[in-house]
N, C-alpha and C. Protein backbone atom coordinates (compact mmCIF):
# COMPACT_ATOMS: atom_id res chain seq x y z
N MET A 1 27.92 83.24 33.57
CA MET A 1 26.92 82.38 34.18
C MET A 1 26.72 81.13 33.35
N ALA A 2 26.62 80.01 34.01
CA ALA A 2 26.37 78.75 33.30
C ALA A 2 24.89 78.67 32.97
N SER A 3 24.61 78.21 31.76
CA SER A 3 23.20 78.07 31.38
C SER A 3 22.64 76.80 32.02
N GLU A 4 21.44 76.94 32.52
CA GLU A 4 20.79 75.80 33.17
C GLU A 4 19.83 75.14 32.21
N THR A 5 19.85 73.81 32.21
CA THR A 5 18.89 73.06 31.43
C THR A 5 17.64 72.94 32.27
N LYS A 6 16.57 73.49 31.77
CA LYS A 6 15.32 73.49 32.52
C LYS A 6 14.24 72.85 31.69
N LYS A 7 13.54 71.89 32.27
CA LYS A 7 12.43 71.24 31.58
C LYS A 7 11.25 72.20 31.63
N GLU A 8 10.79 72.60 30.46
CA GLU A 8 9.68 73.54 30.40
C GLU A 8 8.36 72.78 30.45
N SER A 9 7.43 73.33 31.21
CA SER A 9 6.11 72.74 31.24
C SER A 9 5.32 73.26 30.05
N PRO A 10 4.33 72.50 29.60
CA PRO A 10 3.55 72.95 28.46
C PRO A 10 2.83 74.25 28.79
N PRO A 11 2.61 75.11 27.80
CA PRO A 11 1.90 76.36 28.05
C PRO A 11 0.50 76.11 28.59
N VAL A 12 0.01 77.05 29.38
CA VAL A 12 -1.33 76.93 29.94
C VAL A 12 -2.32 76.83 28.79
N GLY A 13 -3.22 75.87 28.87
CA GLY A 13 -4.21 75.68 27.82
C GLY A 13 -3.73 74.75 26.72
N ALA A 14 -2.42 74.44 26.70
CA ALA A 14 -1.90 73.52 25.68
C ALA A 14 -2.34 72.11 26.03
N ALA A 15 -2.59 71.32 25.03
CA ALA A 15 -3.04 69.95 25.24
C ALA A 15 -1.83 69.06 25.56
N PRO A 16 -1.75 68.52 26.79
CA PRO A 16 -0.64 67.63 27.12
C PRO A 16 -0.71 66.35 26.30
N GLU A 17 0.41 65.89 25.83
CA GLU A 17 0.44 64.70 24.99
C GLU A 17 0.89 63.45 25.74
N ARG A 18 1.58 63.62 26.83
CA ARG A 18 2.04 62.46 27.60
C ARG A 18 1.01 62.13 28.67
N PHE A 19 0.87 60.85 28.95
CA PHE A 19 -0.10 60.40 29.94
C PHE A 19 0.15 61.05 31.29
N GLU A 20 1.41 61.15 31.68
CA GLU A 20 1.76 61.75 32.97
C GLU A 20 1.34 63.21 33.03
N GLU A 21 1.49 63.93 31.92
CA GLU A 21 1.06 65.33 31.88
C GLU A 21 -0.46 65.44 32.00
N ILE A 22 -1.15 64.52 31.38
CA ILE A 22 -2.61 64.50 31.47
C ILE A 22 -3.04 64.28 32.92
N LEU A 23 -2.39 63.34 33.61
CA LEU A 23 -2.72 63.09 35.01
C LEU A 23 -2.47 64.31 35.88
N LEU A 24 -1.34 64.98 35.67
CA LEU A 24 -1.04 66.18 36.45
C LEU A 24 -2.08 67.27 36.23
N LYS A 25 -2.45 67.46 34.99
CA LYS A 25 -3.46 68.46 34.67
C LYS A 25 -4.80 68.09 35.31
N LEU A 26 -5.18 66.82 35.24
CA LEU A 26 -6.43 66.37 35.86
C LEU A 26 -6.41 66.58 37.37
N ARG A 27 -5.30 66.27 38.00
CA ARG A 27 -5.20 66.48 39.45
C ARG A 27 -5.39 67.95 39.81
N GLY A 28 -4.78 68.83 39.01
CA GLY A 28 -4.94 70.26 39.25
C GLY A 28 -6.39 70.70 39.10
N LEU A 29 -7.07 70.18 38.07
CA LEU A 29 -8.47 70.53 37.87
C LEU A 29 -9.34 70.03 39.03
N VAL A 30 -9.07 68.81 39.47
CA VAL A 30 -9.85 68.25 40.59
C VAL A 30 -9.66 69.09 41.84
N GLU A 31 -8.43 69.50 42.11
CA GLU A 31 -8.17 70.33 43.29
C GLU A 31 -8.92 71.65 43.21
N ARG A 32 -8.92 72.26 42.02
CA ARG A 32 -9.65 73.52 41.84
C ARG A 32 -11.15 73.32 42.06
N LEU A 33 -11.68 72.24 41.48
CA LEU A 33 -13.11 71.97 41.62
C LEU A 33 -13.48 71.64 43.07
N GLU A 34 -12.65 70.86 43.73
CA GLU A 34 -12.94 70.49 45.11
C GLU A 34 -12.82 71.67 46.06
N GLY A 35 -12.06 72.68 45.66
CA GLY A 35 -11.92 73.87 46.49
C GLY A 35 -13.24 74.59 46.70
N GLY A 36 -14.14 74.43 45.75
CA GLY A 36 -15.47 75.01 45.88
C GLY A 36 -15.54 76.51 45.74
N ASN A 37 -14.46 77.14 45.28
CA ASN A 37 -14.44 78.60 45.19
C ASN A 37 -14.62 79.11 43.77
N LEU A 38 -14.90 78.22 42.82
CA LEU A 38 -15.04 78.65 41.43
C LEU A 38 -16.49 79.03 41.13
N PRO A 39 -16.66 80.07 40.33
CA PRO A 39 -18.01 80.37 39.86
C PRO A 39 -18.51 79.21 38.99
N LEU A 40 -19.81 79.12 38.83
CA LEU A 40 -20.40 78.02 38.08
C LEU A 40 -19.82 77.88 36.68
N GLU A 41 -19.68 78.97 35.96
CA GLU A 41 -19.16 78.91 34.59
C GLU A 41 -17.74 78.37 34.56
N ASP A 42 -16.91 78.81 35.50
CA ASP A 42 -15.53 78.30 35.56
C ASP A 42 -15.51 76.83 35.93
N SER A 43 -16.41 76.43 36.83
CA SER A 43 -16.50 75.02 37.20
C SER A 43 -16.88 74.17 36.00
N LEU A 44 -17.84 74.63 35.22
CA LEU A 44 -18.26 73.89 34.04
C LEU A 44 -17.14 73.79 33.02
N ARG A 45 -16.38 74.88 32.84
CA ARG A 45 -15.24 74.84 31.91
C ARG A 45 -14.18 73.85 32.39
N ALA A 46 -13.90 73.87 33.69
CA ALA A 46 -12.91 72.94 34.25
C ALA A 46 -13.39 71.51 34.10
N PHE A 47 -14.68 71.27 34.35
CA PHE A 47 -15.24 69.93 34.19
C PHE A 47 -15.13 69.48 32.74
N GLU A 48 -15.47 70.36 31.80
CA GLU A 48 -15.38 70.02 30.38
C GLU A 48 -13.94 69.70 29.99
N GLU A 49 -13.01 70.50 30.47
CA GLU A 49 -11.59 70.24 30.18
C GLU A 49 -11.16 68.90 30.77
N GLY A 50 -11.63 68.61 31.98
CA GLY A 50 -11.30 67.35 32.63
C GLY A 50 -11.83 66.15 31.85
N MET A 51 -13.05 66.28 31.33
CA MET A 51 -13.62 65.19 30.54
C MET A 51 -12.81 64.96 29.26
N GLU A 52 -12.37 66.02 28.62
CA GLU A 52 -11.55 65.88 27.42
C GLU A 52 -10.21 65.22 27.76
N LEU A 53 -9.62 65.63 28.86
CA LEU A 53 -8.36 65.00 29.29
C LEU A 53 -8.58 63.52 29.60
N CYS A 54 -9.71 63.18 30.22
CA CYS A 54 -10.02 61.77 30.49
C CYS A 54 -10.13 60.98 29.21
N ARG A 55 -10.79 61.54 28.20
CA ARG A 55 -10.91 60.84 26.91
C ARG A 55 -9.54 60.60 26.29
N ARG A 56 -8.69 61.63 26.35
CA ARG A 56 -7.36 61.47 25.75
C ARG A 56 -6.51 60.49 26.54
N GLY A 57 -6.62 60.54 27.87
CA GLY A 57 -5.88 59.59 28.69
C GLY A 57 -6.34 58.16 28.45
N THR A 58 -7.64 57.98 28.31
CA THR A 58 -8.19 56.65 28.02
C THR A 58 -7.68 56.14 26.67
N ALA A 59 -7.62 57.02 25.69
CA ALA A 59 -7.11 56.62 24.37
C ALA A 59 -5.65 56.18 24.46
N ILE A 60 -4.87 56.90 25.25
CA ILE A 60 -3.46 56.52 25.42
C ILE A 60 -3.36 55.15 26.08
N LEU A 61 -4.15 54.94 27.14
CA LEU A 61 -4.13 53.64 27.83
C LEU A 61 -4.62 52.51 26.93
N ASP A 62 -5.66 52.77 26.14
CA ASP A 62 -6.15 51.75 25.21
C ASP A 62 -5.07 51.38 24.20
N GLY A 63 -4.36 52.38 23.70
CA GLY A 63 -3.27 52.10 22.76
C GLY A 63 -2.17 51.28 23.40
N ALA A 64 -1.84 51.61 24.64
CA ALA A 64 -0.80 50.86 25.35
C ALA A 64 -1.24 49.42 25.58
N GLU A 65 -2.51 49.25 25.94
CA GLU A 65 -3.04 47.89 26.17
C GLU A 65 -2.98 47.07 24.89
N LYS A 66 -3.36 47.66 23.78
CA LYS A 66 -3.31 46.94 22.50
C LYS A 66 -1.88 46.57 22.13
N LYS A 67 -0.95 47.49 22.40
CA LYS A 67 0.45 47.21 22.10
C LYS A 67 0.96 46.04 22.94
N VAL A 68 0.61 46.03 24.23
CA VAL A 68 1.03 44.94 25.12
C VAL A 68 0.41 43.63 24.66
N GLU A 69 -0.88 43.66 24.30
CA GLU A 69 -1.53 42.44 23.83
C GLU A 69 -0.87 41.93 22.55
N THR A 70 -0.48 42.84 21.66
CA THR A 70 0.20 42.45 20.43
C THR A 70 1.55 41.81 20.75
N LEU A 71 2.29 42.44 21.66
CA LEU A 71 3.60 41.89 22.03
C LEU A 71 3.47 40.54 22.72
N LEU A 72 2.50 40.41 23.60
CA LEU A 72 2.30 39.12 24.27
C LEU A 72 1.78 38.07 23.32
N GLY A 73 1.02 38.48 22.34
CA GLY A 73 0.45 37.55 21.38
C GLY A 73 1.51 36.82 20.58
N SER A 74 2.67 37.42 20.43
CA SER A 74 3.72 36.77 19.66
C SER A 74 4.49 35.74 20.49
N THR A 75 4.35 35.77 21.83
CA THR A 75 5.10 34.83 22.67
C THR A 75 4.20 33.95 23.53
N ALA A 76 3.03 34.46 23.87
CA ALA A 76 2.13 33.70 24.74
C ALA A 76 0.72 34.21 24.54
N ALA A 77 -0.24 33.41 24.94
CA ALA A 77 -1.64 33.84 24.84
C ALA A 77 -1.87 34.99 25.82
N PRO A 78 -2.46 36.08 25.34
CA PRO A 78 -2.72 37.19 26.26
C PRO A 78 -3.70 36.79 27.35
N ARG A 79 -3.44 37.29 28.52
CA ARG A 79 -4.29 36.99 29.66
C ARG A 79 -4.68 38.31 30.31
N ILE A 80 -5.95 38.54 30.43
CA ILE A 80 -6.43 39.77 31.03
C ILE A 80 -7.01 39.42 32.39
N ALA A 81 -6.50 40.10 33.43
CA ALA A 81 -6.97 39.88 34.79
C ALA A 81 -7.06 41.23 35.47
N PRO A 82 -7.93 41.36 36.45
CA PRO A 82 -8.04 42.64 37.17
C PRO A 82 -6.73 42.96 37.90
N PHE A 83 -6.43 44.23 37.95
CA PHE A 83 -5.25 44.70 38.68
C PHE A 83 -5.59 44.72 40.15
N GLU A 84 -4.73 44.11 40.95
CA GLU A 84 -4.97 44.09 42.38
C GLU A 84 -3.95 44.96 43.08
N THR A 85 -4.42 45.78 44.01
CA THR A 85 -3.53 46.62 44.80
C THR A 85 -3.37 46.01 46.18
N PRO A 86 -2.35 46.43 46.91
CA PRO A 86 -2.15 45.86 48.25
C PRO A 86 -3.36 46.06 49.17
N GLU A 87 -4.16 47.12 48.93
CA GLU A 87 -5.32 47.37 49.77
C GLU A 87 -6.45 46.42 49.45
N SER A 88 -6.43 45.77 48.26
CA SER A 88 -7.55 44.90 47.85
C SER A 88 -7.62 43.64 48.66
């Protein structure tokens, strides 16, 4: 049998380190909470976990923003403008 290369997902309860992993985990928590079938204690735990993931995701985004500003600062004046989506 040929061995298959399989991307392993982080263990349950492990802290995701990549922004994309944080988003996936947050989406899962939101779906569980929106389902409305969790006992209060489980809902509070999920909410607490979601808030921690939000803090870590925000820190990653802040770091990326600073890196972009640093890179732009060496070639042009940084310009910050709101992100516009096609729906805006």
